Amino acid sequence: MIVIAHLSDVHLDGGTRAADRTRAVMEYLDSLPHDLDAVLVSGDIADHAAPAEYEEAAKLLRSRHPLVVCPGNHDERTAFRQGLLGEGAAATAAPVDQVLRGDGFVLAVCDSSVPGQDHGLLEESTLDWLDGVLADTPRETPVLVAFHHPPVPLHTPYVDEIRQFGEERLAALAERHPHLTAFLCGHAHTAAATTFAGRPLLVAPGVVSTLRLPWEIQSAPDHHVHLDEPPAIAFHVLGEDGRLTTHYRVVVAPR
């Protein structure tokens, strides 16, 4: 059994609220009685892409489990590379694409951020990189593909306007690689499950806040988020039969 913990949208801003929530989630994961195969943090690490926010992230986003972190629309690639990947002066603004090869699975983490924009798009270099990762992985090994922006509408107008576009190219790539098992993302600040390209598309809930759905009570048209809901995470479980199951958990944290 392979277990991957998935959190997203911590939005560290130098304040105590986001930091306390992130710390509670990471401490919860480290306190688990069994080892996880991976911990995925799918973007919006810093709230303003400030160097101090990435310094804070480097201290908080540590785990005894294998950890991989990707950027979101609130992040800036060069600062992300310097603060979290330790690239220093060599850091560039190239997409931050990373692969974690575990025991019996591969986690390919793509950068869907668009510099200076809120919507998402996978650059051609990222698609070429992902195609290579999939081609280099034996067909019997499941590959989970992660990024920040969901590539389909989630019936949440505020998020759908800034989702990942150009998704037909990703769908065509998935057609060539049947061992691409599922897509994982964040950005929406709400736990959700749907499909894309004939695979599960699993959306992590938010750590810093939870999105109000259009049919929930809002006190004003721009009242998009619950700030009083607790942070939450997903656990993606790959069974020996190849079936993928996702569990969602809330984590007790200071308000």
Protein backbone atom coordinates (compact mmCIF):
# COMPACT_ATOMS: atom_id res chain seq x y z
CA MET A 1 0.00 0.00 0.00
CA ILE A 2 1.30 3.44 -1.01
CA VAL A 3 0.12 6.48 0.99
CA ILE A 4 0.70 10.06 -0.17
CA ALA A 5 -0.34 13.00 2.02
CA HIS A 6 -1.43 16.04 0.03
CA LEU A 7 -1.78 19.59 1.34
CA SER A 8 -2.04 22.87 -0.49
CA ASP A 9 -2.38 26.63 -0.24
CA VAL A 10 -0.60 27.47 2.99
CA HIS A 11 -0.14 31.14 1.97
CA LEU A 12 2.58 32.00 4.48
CA ASP A 13 2.56 35.77 4.93
CA GLY A 14 4.72 36.46 7.98
CA GLY A 15 1.71 36.34 10.29
CA THR A 16 0.96 33.79 12.98
CA ARG A 17 -2.32 32.44 11.58
CA ALA A 18 -0.97 30.81 8.39
CA ALA A 19 2.18 29.70 10.17
CA ASP A 20 0.28 28.08 13.04
CA ARG A 21 -1.99 26.22 10.64
CA THR A 22 0.91 24.99 8.54
CA ARG A 23 2.84 23.93 11.63
CA ALA A 24 -0.18 22.00 12.95
CA VAL A 25 -0.52 20.08 9.68
CA MET A 26 3.18 19.23 9.46
CA GLU A 27 3.30 18.16 13.12
CA TYR A 28 0.25 15.98 12.55
CA LEU A 29 1.95 14.24 9.61
CA ASP A 30 5.18 13.73 11.53
CA SER A 31 3.24 12.27 14.47
CA LEU A 32 1.64 9.51 12.41
CA PRO A 33 2.59 6.02 13.59
CA HIS A 34 3.60 4.83 10.12
CA ASP A 35 5.88 6.24 7.43
CA LEU A 36 4.25 7.94 4.46
CA ASP A 37 5.54 7.34 0.96
CA ALA A 38 5.39 11.05 0.13
CA VAL A 39 4.08 14.42 1.23
CA LEU A 40 2.96 16.72 -1.60
CA VAL A 41 2.44 20.47 -1.11
CA SER A 42 0.74 21.69 -4.26
CA GLY A 43 1.42 25.39 -4.41
CA ASP A 44 0.71 28.85 -3.05
CA ILE A 45 3.44 28.49 -0.49
CA ALA A 46 4.12 32.21 -0.01
CA ASP A 47 1.33 34.76 -0.06
CA HIS A 48 3.38 37.60 -1.58
CA ALA A 49 6.46 35.70 -2.88
CA ALA A 50 8.69 37.61 -0.45
CA PRO A 51 12.08 36.10 0.48
CA ALA A 52 11.12 36.15 4.18
CA GLU A 53 8.02 34.09 3.40
CA TYR A 54 10.15 31.42 1.72
CA GLU A 55 12.54 31.46 4.67
CA GLU A 56 9.56 30.72 6.88
CA ALA A 57 8.35 28.03 4.48
CA ALA A 58 11.76 26.33 4.53
CA LYS A 59 11.50 26.05 8.32
CA LEU A 60 7.88 24.88 8.44
CA LEU A 61 7.70 22.58 5.42
CA ARG A 62 10.01 19.93 6.80
CA SER A 63 9.06 16.32 7.30
CA ARG A 64 10.44 12.94 8.24
CA HIS A 65 8.60 11.70 5.13
CA PRO A 66 9.78 12.36 1.52
CA LEU A 67 8.54 15.85 0.66
CA VAL A 68 8.01 17.66 -2.63
CA VAL A 69 6.67 21.22 -3.03
CA CYS A 70 5.56 23.03 -6.20
CA PRO A 71 4.73 26.70 -6.90
CA GLY A 72 1.29 28.24 -7.28
CA ASN A 73 0.04 31.53 -8.66
CA HIS A 74 1.05 33.41 -5.48
CA ASP A 75 4.63 32.15 -5.80
CA GLU A 76 7.54 33.51 -7.83
CA ARG A 77 9.83 30.94 -9.41
CA THR A 78 13.22 32.48 -8.74
CA ALA A 79 12.43 33.28 -5.09
CA PHE A 80 10.89 29.81 -4.71
CA ARG A 81 14.05 28.18 -6.08
CA GLN A 82 16.28 30.26 -3.82
CA GLY A 83 14.22 29.89 -0.64
CA LEU A 84 13.01 26.30 -0.91
CA LEU A 85 15.32 24.50 -3.34
CA GLY A 86 18.54 26.15 -2.12
CA GLU A 87 19.69 27.20 -5.58
CA GLY A 88 20.99 30.59 -4.44
CA ALA A 89 22.36 32.90 -7.13
CA ALA A 90 22.01 30.12 -9.71
CA ALA A 91 18.21 30.24 -9.46
CA THR A 92 16.32 30.98 -12.66
CA ALA A 93 12.72 31.70 -13.60
CA ALA A 94 12.39 28.37 -15.42
CA PRO A 95 9.41 26.17 -14.53
CA VAL A 96 9.93 24.24 -11.30
CA ASP A 97 9.30 20.66 -12.46
CA GLN A 98 10.28 17.84 -10.09
CA VAL A 99 9.98 14.07 -9.91
CA LEU A 100 9.88 11.81 -6.87
CA ARG A 101 10.49 8.15 -7.68
CA GLY A 102 9.23 6.04 -4.80
CA ASP A 103 8.96 2.34 -4.17
CA GLY A 104 6.30 1.25 -6.65
CA PHE A 105 5.15 4.68 -7.82
CA VAL A 106 6.29 7.93 -9.42
CA LEU A 107 5.10 11.41 -8.45
CA ALA A 108 5.67 13.91 -11.27
CA VAL A 109 5.14 17.47 -10.05
CA CYS A 110 4.64 20.11 -12.74
CA ASP A 111 4.78 23.89 -12.50
CA SER A 112 1.48 25.29 -13.77
CA SER A 113 2.19 28.86 -12.65
CA VAL A 114 2.31 31.69 -15.18
CA PRO A 115 4.66 34.50 -14.09
CA GLY A 116 2.67 37.58 -13.12
CA GLN A 117 -0.71 35.92 -13.68
CA ASP A 118 -3.26 34.07 -11.55
CA HIS A 119 -4.39 31.48 -14.09
CA GLY A 120 -2.40 28.36 -14.87
CA LEU A 121 -0.78 26.89 -18.00
CA LEU A 122 1.75 24.12 -18.51
CA GLU A 123 4.62 25.40 -20.64
CA GLU A 124 5.73 23.29 -23.60
CA SER A 125 9.00 22.53 -21.81
CA THR A 126 7.01 21.16 -18.86
CA LEU A 127 4.88 18.97 -21.12
CA ASP A 128 8.02 17.67 -22.84
CA TRP A 129 9.58 16.97 -19.44
CA LEU A 130 6.46 15.13 -18.25
CA ASP A 131 6.32 13.12 -21.47
CA GLY A 132 9.91 12.06 -20.80
CA VAL A 133 9.20 11.07 -17.19
CA LEU A 134 6.27 8.93 -18.30
CA ALA A 135 8.23 7.37 -21.17
CA ASP A 136 11.10 6.50 -18.81
CA THR A 137 8.77 4.85 -16.28
CA PRO A 138 7.84 1.18 -16.78
CA ARG A 139 4.21 0.70 -17.78
CA GLU A 140 3.50 -1.36 -14.68
CA THR A 141 4.50 1.55 -12.40
CA PRO A 142 1.71 4.05 -11.64
CA VAL A 143 2.53 7.71 -12.19
CA LEU A 144 0.62 10.44 -10.35
CA VAL A 145 0.87 13.89 -11.93
CA ALA A 146 0.54 16.95 -9.70
CA PHE A 147 0.34 20.71 -10.23
CA HIS A 148 -1.32 23.72 -8.62
CA HIS A 149 -4.16 24.71 -10.96
CA PRO A 150 -7.04 22.31 -11.78
CA PRO A 151 -7.37 21.81 -15.56
CA VAL A 152 -11.20 21.68 -15.49
CA PRO A 153 -13.96 23.88 -14.05
CA LEU A 154 -15.00 22.90 -10.53
CA HIS A 155 -18.31 24.86 -10.55
CA THR A 156 -16.69 27.48 -8.36
CA PRO A 157 -16.79 30.68 -10.44
CA TYR A 158 -14.09 32.53 -8.52
CA VAL A 159 -11.60 29.68 -9.03
CA ASP A 160 -12.79 28.57 -12.47
CA GLU A 161 -11.86 31.96 -13.93
CA ILE A 162 -8.20 31.32 -12.99
CA ARG A 163 -7.93 27.56 -13.52
CA GLN A 164 -5.36 25.83 -15.75
CA PHE A 165 -5.95 26.45 -19.45
CA GLY A 166 -4.53 24.74 -22.55
CA GLU A 167 -5.59 21.48 -20.94
CA GLU A 168 -6.20 19.72 -24.25
CA ARG A 169 -2.41 19.30 -24.63
CA LEU A 170 -2.20 17.54 -21.26
CA ALA A 171 -5.15 15.33 -22.17
CA ALA A 172 -3.43 14.30 -25.42
CA LEU A 173 -0.26 13.45 -23.49
CA ALA A 174 -2.25 11.34 -21.02
CA GLU A 175 -3.73 9.35 -23.90
CA ARG A 176 -0.24 8.15 -24.84
CA HIS A 177 0.59 6.94 -21.34
CA PRO A 178 -1.94 4.54 -19.78
CA HIS A 179 0.09 4.25 -16.56
CA LEU A 180 -0.68 7.90 -15.77
CA THR A 181 -2.97 7.00 -12.89
CA ALA A 182 -4.35 10.30 -11.53
CA PHE A 183 -3.98 14.06 -11.39
CA LEU A 184 -3.51 15.92 -8.09
CA CYS A 185 -3.90 19.68 -7.60
CA GLY A 186 -4.73 22.50 -5.20
CA HIS A 187 -5.68 26.14 -5.83
CA ALA A 188 -9.40 25.73 -5.10
CA HIS A 189 -9.19 25.78 -1.27
CA THR A 190 -11.83 23.05 -1.17
CA ALA A 191 -11.70 19.27 -1.16
CA ALA A 192 -13.04 18.02 -4.47
CA ALA A 193 -12.96 14.95 -6.69
CA THR A 194 -13.74 14.83 -10.40
CA THR A 195 -12.17 13.44 -13.58
CA PHE A 196 -9.88 14.72 -16.32
CA ALA A 197 -8.69 12.84 -19.40
CA GLY A 198 -10.39 9.71 -18.09
CA ARG A 199 -8.45 9.78 -14.80
CA PRO A 200 -9.30 10.90 -11.29
CA LEU A 201 -8.59 14.57 -10.61
CA LEU A 202 -8.25 15.02 -6.86
CA VAL A 203 -8.20 18.49 -5.33
CA ALA A 204 -6.60 19.11 -1.94
CA PRO A 205 -8.45 21.28 0.57
CA GLY A 206 -6.84 24.52 1.69
CA VAL A 207 -4.68 24.91 4.75
CA VAL A 208 -5.07 28.68 5.20
CA SER A 209 -8.78 28.87 4.34
CA THR A 210 -11.75 27.05 2.80
CA LEU A 211 -13.65 28.26 -0.26
CA ARG A 212 -17.35 29.01 0.07
CA LEU A 213 -19.27 27.12 -2.60
CA PRO A 214 -21.71 29.15 -4.74
CA TRP A 215 -24.75 27.58 -3.06
CA GLU A 216 -23.50 28.33 0.45
CA ILE A 217 -24.50 31.46 2.36
CA GLN A 218 -22.37 34.51 1.60
CA SER A 219 -22.75 37.85 3.33
CA ALA A 220 -21.46 39.73 0.26
CA PRO A 221 -20.70 38.89 -3.40
CA ASP A 222 -16.95 38.87 -2.69
CA HIS A 223 -17.27 36.78 0.50
CA HIS A 224 -15.43 33.80 -0.98
CA VAL A 225 -13.79 32.02 1.93
CA HIS A 226 -14.40 30.53 5.34
CA LEU A 227 -11.66 31.64 7.71
CA ASP A 228 -13.07 29.74 10.67
CA GLU A 229 -12.95 26.27 9.09
CA PRO A 230 -9.96 24.14 10.20
CA PRO A 231 -7.12 23.26 7.81
CA ALA A 232 -7.51 19.95 6.00
CA ILE A 233 -5.45 17.52 3.94
CA ALA A 234 -5.91 14.53 1.63
CA PHE A 235 -4.44 11.05 1.83
CA HIS A 236 -4.16 9.30 -1.55
CA VAL A 237 -3.84 5.54 -1.18
CA LEU A 238 -2.71 3.20 -3.96
CA GLY A 239 -3.62 -0.38 -3.14
CA GLU A 240 -1.82 -3.46 -4.35
CA ASP A 241 -4.67 -3.95 -6.82
CA GLY A 242 -3.85 -0.56 -8.38
CA ARG A 243 -7.04 1.08 -7.14
CA LEU A 244 -6.72 4.64 -5.89
CA THR A 245 -8.65 5.78 -2.81
CA THR A 246 -8.62 9.27 -1.29
CA HIS A 247 -9.43 10.17 2.32
CA TYR A 248 -9.79 13.74 3.57
CA ARG A 249 -8.91 14.78 7.11
CA VAL A 250 -9.24 18.03 9.06
CA VAL A 251 -6.44 19.00 11.43
CA VAL A 252 -7.00 20.80 14.72
CA ALA A 253 -5.11 24.11 14.66
CA PRO A 254 -5.23 27.51 16.35
CA ARG A 255 -7.66 29.94 14.72
